[in-house]
Amino acid sequence: MAEKIEKELYDGSKIEILGEIVEPGKPETPGHWRDRFTNRDEMLRYLDTGERYWSGHEGYGSEKRKSPA
């Protein structure tokens, strides 16, 4: 369970925040992304979409720009 920590804000008021909420360790079973797809075309579409998301020319991630930086 996460412990609550009390911090002081810049204006002097106090607020409670959550401490560590992630349990240390590794997952019990590996995440096999290939098992989600039934054929090769679905796999290629998944990879192409991910590649376009991270390295596309139309923007970074889900952010879109009208003119390139």
PDB file of N, CA and C in Angstrom:
ATOM      1  N   MET A   1       0.839  -1.177   0.000  1.00  0.00           N
ATOM      2  CA  MET A   1       0.000   0.000   0.000  1.00  0.00           C
ATOM      3  C   MET A   1       0.882   1.237   0.000  1.00  0.00           C
ATOM      4  N   ALA A   2       0.445   2.261  -0.616  1.00  0.00           N
ATOM      5  CA  ALA A   2       1.214   3.488  -0.708  1.00  0.00           C
ATOM      6  C   ALA A   2       1.082   4.295   0.567  1.00  0.00           C
ATOM      7  N   GLU A   3       2.209   4.808   1.028  1.00  0.00           N
ATOM      8  CA  GLU A   3       2.158   5.664   2.205  1.00  0.00           C
ATOM      9  C   GLU A   3       1.954   7.107   1.773  1.00  0.00           C
ATOM     10  N   LYS A   4       1.348   7.889   2.637  1.00  0.00           N
ATOM     11  CA  LYS A   4       1.096   9.295   2.323  1.00  0.00           C
ATOM     12  C   LYS A   4       2.196  10.134   2.951  1.00  0.00           C
ATOM     13  N   ILE A   5       2.734  11.059   2.173  1.00  0.00           N
ATOM     14  CA  ILE A   5       3.798  11.944   2.617  1.00  0.00           C
ATOM     15  C   ILE A   5       3.254  13.367   2.604  1.00  0.00           C
ATOM     16  N   GLU A   6       3.595  14.125   3.626  1.00  0.00           N
ATOM     17  CA  GLU A   6       3.130  15.504   3.691  1.00  0.00           C
ATOM     18  C   GLU A   6       4.242  16.420   3.184  1.00  0.00           C
ATOM     19  N   LYS A   7       3.937  17.238   2.182  1.00  0.00           N
ATOM     20  CA  LYS A   7       4.889  18.182   1.595  1.00  0.00           C
ATOM     21  C   LYS A   7       4.368  19.594   1.757  1.00  0.00           C
ATOM     22  N   GLU A   8       5.282  20.530   1.693  1.00  0.00           N
ATOM     23  CA  GLU A   8       4.912  21.936   1.793  1.00  0.00           C
ATOM     24  C   GLU A   8       5.029  22.582   0.416  1.00  0.00           C
ATOM     25  N   LEU A   9       3.984  23.297   0.010  1.00  0.00           N
ATOM     26  CA  LEU A   9       3.983  23.985  -1.276  1.00  0.00           C
ATOM     27  C   LEU A   9       4.751  25.296  -1.171  1.00  0.00           C
ATOM     28  N   TYR A  10       4.948  25.955  -2.301  1.00  0.00           N
ATOM     29  CA  TYR A  10       5.695  27.204  -2.333  1.00  0.00           C
ATOM     30  C   TYR A  10       5.013  28.320  -1.540  1.00  0.00           C
ATOM     31  N   ASP A  11       3.705  28.276  -1.473  1.00  0.00           N
ATOM     32  CA  ASP A  11       2.993  29.320  -0.728  1.00  0.00           C
ATOM     33  C   ASP A  11       2.907  29.023   0.772  1.00  0.00           C
ATOM     34  N   GLY A  12       3.492  27.915   1.229  1.00  0.00           N
ATOM     35  CA  GLY A  12       3.518  27.585   2.646  1.00  0.00           C
ATOM     36  C   GLY A  12       2.439  26.621   3.085  1.00  0.00           C
ATOM     37  N   SER A  13       1.438  26.351   2.245  1.00  0.00           N
ATOM     38  CA  SER A  13       0.391  25.415   2.624  1.00  0.00           C
ATOM     39  C   SER A  13       0.912  23.986   2.505  1.00  0.00           C
ATOM     40  N   LYS A  14       0.316  23.094   3.275  1.00  0.00           N
ATOM     41  CA  LYS A  14       0.754  21.698   3.280  1.00  0.00           C
ATOM     42  C   LYS A  14      -0.240  20.840   2.512  1.00  0.00           C
ATOM     43  N   ILE A  15       0.288  19.797   1.872  1.00  0.00           N
ATOM     44  CA  ILE A  15      -0.539  18.902   1.073  1.00  0.00           C
ATOM     45  C   ILE A  15      -0.020  17.480   1.260  1.00  0.00           C
ATOM     46  N   GLU A  16      -0.926  16.503   1.239  1.00  0.00           N
ATOM     47  CA  GLU A  16      -0.533  15.094   1.334  1.00  0.00           C
ATOM     48  C   GLU A  16      -0.421  14.518  -0.072  1.00  0.00           C
ATOM     49  N   ILE A  17       0.665  13.801  -0.331  1.00  0.00           N
ATOM     50  CA  ILE A  17       0.852  13.140  -1.619  1.00  0.00           C
ATOM     51  C   ILE A  17       1.140  11.669  -1.367  1.00  0.00           C
ATOM     52  N   LEU A  18       0.978  10.862  -2.400  1.00  0.00           N
ATOM     53  CA  LEU A  18       1.269   9.442  -2.289  1.00  0.00           C
ATOM     54  C   LEU A  18       2.756   9.203  -2.470  1.00  0.00           C
ATOM     55  N   GLY A  19       3.298   8.258  -1.735  1.00  0.00           N
ATOM     56  CA  GLY A  19       4.695   7.879  -1.874  1.00  0.00           C
ATOM     57  C   GLY A  19       4.836   6.880  -3.014  1.00  0.00           C
ATOM     58  N   GLU A  20       5.731   5.925  -2.859  1.00  0.00           N
ATOM     59  CA  GLU A  20       5.946   4.894  -3.877  1.00  0.00           C
ATOM     60  C   GLU A  20       4.696   4.038  -4.022  1.00  0.00           C
ATOM     61  N   ILE A  21       4.204   3.901  -5.265  1.00  0.00           N
ATOM     62  CA  ILE A  21       3.029   3.060  -5.482  1.00  0.00           C
ATOM     63  C   ILE A  21       3.357   1.872  -6.396  1.00  0.00           C
ATOM     64  N   VAL A  22       4.592   1.785  -6.846  1.00  0.00           N
ATOM     65  CA  VAL A  22       4.995   0.692  -7.725  1.00  0.00           C
ATOM     66  C   VAL A  22       5.732  -0.345  -6.888  1.00  0.00           C
ATOM     67  N   GLU A  23       5.333  -1.590  -7.041  1.00  0.00           N
ATOM     68  CA  GLU A  23       6.008  -2.651  -6.313  1.00  0.00           C
ATOM     69  C   GLU A  23       7.283  -3.035  -7.052  1.00  0.00           C
ATOM     70  N   PRO A  24       8.393  -3.198  -6.351  1.00  0.00           N
ATOM     71  CA  PRO A  24       9.633  -3.574  -7.025  1.00  0.00           C
ATOM     72  C   PRO A  24       9.573  -5.014  -7.520  1.00  0.00           C
ATOM     73  N   GLY A  25      10.354  -5.304  -8.540  1.00  0.00           N
ATOM     74  CA  GLY A  25      10.420  -6.661  -9.053  1.00  0.00           C
ATOM     75  C   GLY A  25      10.112  -6.739 -10.530  1.00  0.00           C
ATOM     76  N   LYS A  26      10.069  -7.952 -11.020  1.00  0.00           N
ATOM     77  CA  LYS A  26       9.791  -8.198 -12.430  1.00  0.00           C
ATOM     78  C   LYS A  26       8.413  -8.838 -12.571  1.00  0.00           C
ATOM     79  N   PRO A  27       7.778  -8.697 -13.753  1.00  0.00           N
ATOM     80  CA  PRO A  27       6.484  -9.365 -13.948  1.00  0.00           C
ATOM     81  C   PRO A  27       6.635 -10.884 -13.901  1.00  0.00           C
ATOM     82  N   GLU A  28       5.583 -11.554 -13.485  1.00  0.00           N
ATOM     83  CA  GLU A  28       5.638 -13.008 -13.376  1.00  0.00           C
ATOM     84  C   GLU A  28       5.668 -13.672 -14.746  1.00  0.00           C
ATOM     85  N   THR A  29       4.912 -13.120 -15.695  1.00  0.00           N
ATOM     86  CA  THR A  29       4.904 -13.670 -17.049  1.00  0.00           C
ATOM     87  C   THR A  29       5.311 -12.578 -18.027  1.00  0.00           C
ATOM     88  N   PRO A  30       6.076 -12.932 -19.054  1.00  0.00           N
ATOM     89  CA  PRO A  30       6.464 -11.914 -20.033  1.00  0.00           C
ATOM     90  C   PRO A  30       5.277 -11.494 -20.892  1.00  0.00           C
ATOM     91  N   GLY A  31       5.312 -10.263 -21.381  1.00  0.00           N
ATOM     92  CA  GLY A  31       4.240  -9.769 -22.239  1.00  0.00           C
ATOM     93  C   GLY A  31       4.545 -10.077 -23.695  1.00  0.00           C
ATOM     94  N   HIS A  32       3.900 -11.077 -24.238  1.00  0.00           N
ATOM     95  CA  HIS A  32       4.126 -11.470 -25.630  1.00  0.00           C
ATOM     96  C   HIS A  32       3.156 -10.709 -26.523  1.00  0.00           C
ATOM     97  N   TRP A  33       3.639  -9.649 -27.163  1.00  0.00           N
ATOM     98  CA  TRP A  33       2.771  -8.832 -28.003  1.00  0.00           C
ATOM     99  C   TRP A  33       2.358  -9.577 -29.263  1.00  0.00           C
ATOM    100  N   ARG A  34       3.129 -10.545 -29.699  1.00  0.00           N
ATOM    101  CA  ARG A  34       2.791 -11.276 -30.920  1.00  0.00           C
ATOM    102  C   ARG A  34       1.578 -12.186 -30.747  1.00  0.00           C
ATOM    103  N   ASP A  35       1.296 -12.582 -29.513  1.00  0.00           N
ATOM    104  CA  ASP A  35       0.163 -13.477 -29.260  1.00  0.00           C
ATOM    105  C   ASP A  35      -1.182 -12.782 -29.455  1.00  0.00           C
ATOM    106  N   ARG A  36      -1.194 -11.449 -29.503  1.00  0.00           N
ATOM    107  CA  ARG A  36      -2.453 -10.714 -29.659  1.00  0.00           C
ATOM    108  C   ARG A  36      -2.982 -10.747 -31.086  1.00  0.00           C
ATOM    109  N   PHE A  37      -2.132 -11.097 -32.049  1.00  0.00           N
ATOM    110  CA  PHE A  37      -2.516 -11.011 -33.451  1.00  0.00           C
ATOM    111  C   PHE A  37      -2.679 -12.396 -34.052  1.00  0.00           C
ATOM    112  N   THR A  38      -3.603 -12.481 -35.011  1.00  0.00           N
ATOM    113  CA  THR A  38      -3.887 -13.778 -35.610  1.00  0.00           C
ATOM    114  C   THR A  38      -3.114 -14.022 -36.896  1.00  0.00           C
ATOM    115  N   ASN A  39      -2.743 -12.952 -37.609  1.00  0.00           N
ATOM    116  CA  ASN A  39      -2.002 -13.162 -38.853  1.00  0.00           C
ATOM    117  C   ASN A  39      -0.896 -12.121 -39.015  1.00  0.00           C
ATOM    118  N   ARG A  40      -0.098 -12.303 -40.027  1.00  0.00           N
ATOM    119  CA  ARG A  40       1.075 -11.465 -40.268  1.00  0.00           C
ATOM    120  C   ARG A  40       0.688 -10.029 -40.617  1.00  0.00           C
ATOM    121  N   ASP A  41      -0.402  -9.842 -41.342  1.00  0.00           N
ATOM    122  CA  ASP A  41      -0.823  -8.497 -41.737  1.00  0.00           C
ATOM    123  C   ASP A  41      -1.156  -7.625 -40.520  1.00  0.00           C
ATOM    124  N   GLU A  42      -1.823  -8.203 -39.530  1.00  0.00           N
ATOM    125  CA  GLU A  42      -2.138  -7.451 -38.318  1.00  0.00           C
ATOM    126  C   GLU A  42      -0.861  -7.053 -37.579  1.00  0.00           C
ATOM    127  N   MET A  43       0.127  -7.976 -37.534  1.00  0.00           N
ATOM    128  CA  MET A  43       1.403  -7.679 -36.887  1.00  0.00           C
ATOM    129  C   MET A  43       2.124  -6.530 -37.581  1.00  0.00           C
ATOM    130  N   LEU A  44       2.180  -6.573 -38.902  1.00  0.00           N
ATOM    131  CA  LEU A  44       2.861  -5.525 -39.662  1.00  0.00           C
ATOM    132  C   LEU A  44       2.150  -4.174 -39.518  1.00  0.00           C
ATOM    133  N   ARG A  45       0.836  -4.188 -39.487  1.00  0.00           N
ATOM    134  CA  ARG A  45       0.088  -2.949 -39.305  1.00  0.00           C
ATOM    135  C   ARG A  45       0.364  -2.355 -37.920  1.00  0.00           C
ATOM    136  N   TYR A  46       0.444  -3.212 -36.904  1.00  0.00           N
ATOM    137  CA  TYR A  46       0.761  -2.771 -35.541  1.00  0.00           C
ATOM    138  C   TYR A  46       2.148  -2.126 -35.484  1.00  0.00           C
ATOM    139  N   LEU A  47       3.137  -2.775 -36.093  1.00  0.00           N
ATOM    140  CA  LEU A  47       4.499  -2.245 -36.090  1.00  0.00           C
ATOM    141  C   LEU A  47       4.612  -0.964 -36.901  1.00  0.00           C
ATOM    142  N   ASP A  48       3.926  -0.908 -38.038  1.00  0.00           N
ATOM    143  CA  ASP A  48       3.965   0.287 -38.879  1.00  0.00           C
ATOM    144  C   ASP A  48       3.331   1.475 -38.160  1.00  0.00           C
ATOM    145  N   THR A  49       2.240   1.237 -37.470  1.00  0.00           N
ATOM    146  CA  THR A  49       1.587   2.307 -36.720  1.00  0.00           C
ATOM    147  C   THR A  49       2.501   2.808 -35.611  1.00  0.00           C
ATOM    148  N   GLY A  50       3.159   1.917 -34.893  1.00  0.00           N
ATOM    149  CA  GLY A  50       4.071   2.321 -33.825  1.00  0.00           C
ATOM    150  C   GLY A  50       5.265   3.084 -34.353  1.00  0.00           C
ATOM    151  N   GLU A  51       5.810   2.645 -35.464  1.00  0.00           N
ATOM    152  CA  GLU A  51       6.957   3.340 -36.056  1.00  0.00           C
ATOM    153  C   GLU A  51       6.555   4.727 -36.537  1.00  0.00           C
ATOM    154  N   ARG A  52       5.395   4.839 -37.143  1.00  0.00           N
ATOM    155  CA  ARG A  52       4.925   6.143 -37.610  1.00  0.00           C
ATOM    156  C   ARG A  52       4.663   7.065 -36.424  1.00  0.00           C
ATOM    157  N   TYR A  53       4.189   6.494 -35.314  1.00  0.00           N
ATOM    158  CA  TYR A  53       3.911   7.295 -34.117  1.00  0.00           C
ATOM    159  C   TYR A  53       5.198   7.915 -33.575  1.00  0.00           C
ATOM    160  N   TRP A  54       6.278   7.133 -33.492  1.00  0.00           N
ATOM    161  CA  TRP A  54       7.506   7.627 -32.866  1.00  0.00           C
ATOM    162  C   TRP A  54       8.435   8.346 -33.825  1.00  0.00           C
ATOM    163  N   SER A  55       8.441   8.010 -35.099  1.00  0.00           N
ATOM    164  CA  SER A  55       9.427   8.619 -35.982  1.00  0.00           C
ATOM    165  C   SER A  55       8.804   9.187 -37.246  1.00  0.00           C
ATOM    166  N   GLY A  56       7.528   9.512 -37.201  1.00  0.00           N
ATOM    167  CA  GLY A  56       6.858  10.050 -38.375  1.00  0.00           C
ATOM    168  C   GLY A  56       7.182  11.512 -38.601  1.00  0.00           C
ATOM    169  N   HIS A  57       6.941  11.983 -39.809  1.00  0.00           N
ATOM    170  CA  HIS A  57       7.216  13.370 -40.161  1.00  0.00           C
ATOM    171  C   HIS A  57       6.031  14.281 -39.863  1.00  0.00           C
ATOM    172  N   GLU A  58       4.879  13.703 -39.579  1.00  0.00           N
ATOM    173  CA  GLU A  58       3.710  14.550 -39.345  1.00  0.00           C
ATOM    174  C   GLU A  58       3.635  15.046 -37.903  1.00  0.00           C
ATOM    175  N   GLY A  59       4.572  14.680 -37.066  1.00  0.00           N
ATOM    176  CA  GLY A  59       4.581  15.156 -35.690  1.00  0.00           C
ATOM    177  C   GLY A  59       5.196  14.116 -34.782  1.00  0.00           C
ATOM    178  N   TYR A  60       5.456  14.486 -33.552  1.00  0.00           N
ATOM    179  CA  TYR A  60       6.025  13.556 -32.592  1.00  0.00           C
ATOM    180  C   TYR A  60       4.902  13.007 -31.732  1.00  0.00           C
ATOM    181  N   GLY A  61       4.744  11.707 -31.739  1.00  0.00           N
ATOM    182  CA  GLY A  61       3.694  11.097 -30.939  1.00  0.00           C
ATOM    183  C   GLY A  61       2.326  11.517 -31.430  1.00  0.00           C
ATOM    184  N   SER A  62       1.496  11.905 -30.508  1.00  0.00           N
ATOM    185  CA  SER A  62       0.150  12.315 -30.894  1.00  0.00           C
ATOM    186  C   SER A  62       0.073  13.819 -31.144  1.00  0.00           C
ATOM    187  N   GLU A  63       1.203  14.520 -30.982  1.00  0.00           N
ATOM    188  CA  GLU A  63       1.201  15.967 -31.189  1.00  0.00           C
ATOM    189  C   GLU A  63       1.388  16.271 -32.678  1.00  0.00           C
ATOM    190  N   LYS A  64       0.626  17.159 -33.185  1.00  0.00           N
ATOM    191  CA  LYS A  64       0.710  17.525 -34.593  1.00  0.00           C
ATOM    192  C   LYS A  64       1.095  19.004 -34.696  1.00  0.00           C
ATOM    193  N   ARG A  65       1.935  19.324 -35.671  1.00  0.00           N
ATOM    194  CA  ARG A  65       2.346  20.701 -35.912  1.00  0.00           C
ATOM    195  C   ARG A  65       1.911  21.112 -37.291  1.00  0.00           C
ATOM    196  N   LYS A  66       1.562  22.372 -37.454  1.00  0.00           N
ATOM    197  CA  LYS A  66       1.199  22.876 -38.782  1.00  0.00           C
ATOM    198  C   LYS A  66       2.444  23.082 -39.635  1.00  0.00           C
ATOM    199  N   SER A  67       3.549  23.483 -39.006  1.00  0.00           N
ATOM    200  CA  SER A  67       4.798  23.672 -39.732  1.00  0.00           C
ATOM    201  C   SER A  67       5.901  22.931 -38.979  1.00  0.00           C
ATOM    202  N   PRO A  68       6.848  22.311 -39.685  1.00  0.00           N
ATOM    203  CA  PRO A  68       7.907  21.575 -39.007  1.00  0.00           C
ATOM    204  C   PRO A  68       8.806  22.503 -38.187  1.00  0.00           C
ATOM    205  N   ALA A  69       9.365  21.978 -37.138  1.00  0.00           N
ATOM    206  CA  ALA A  69      10.216  22.786 -36.249  1.00  0.00           C
ATOM    207  C   ALA A  69      11.536  23.119 -36.905  1.00  0.00           C
TER     208      ALA A  69
END
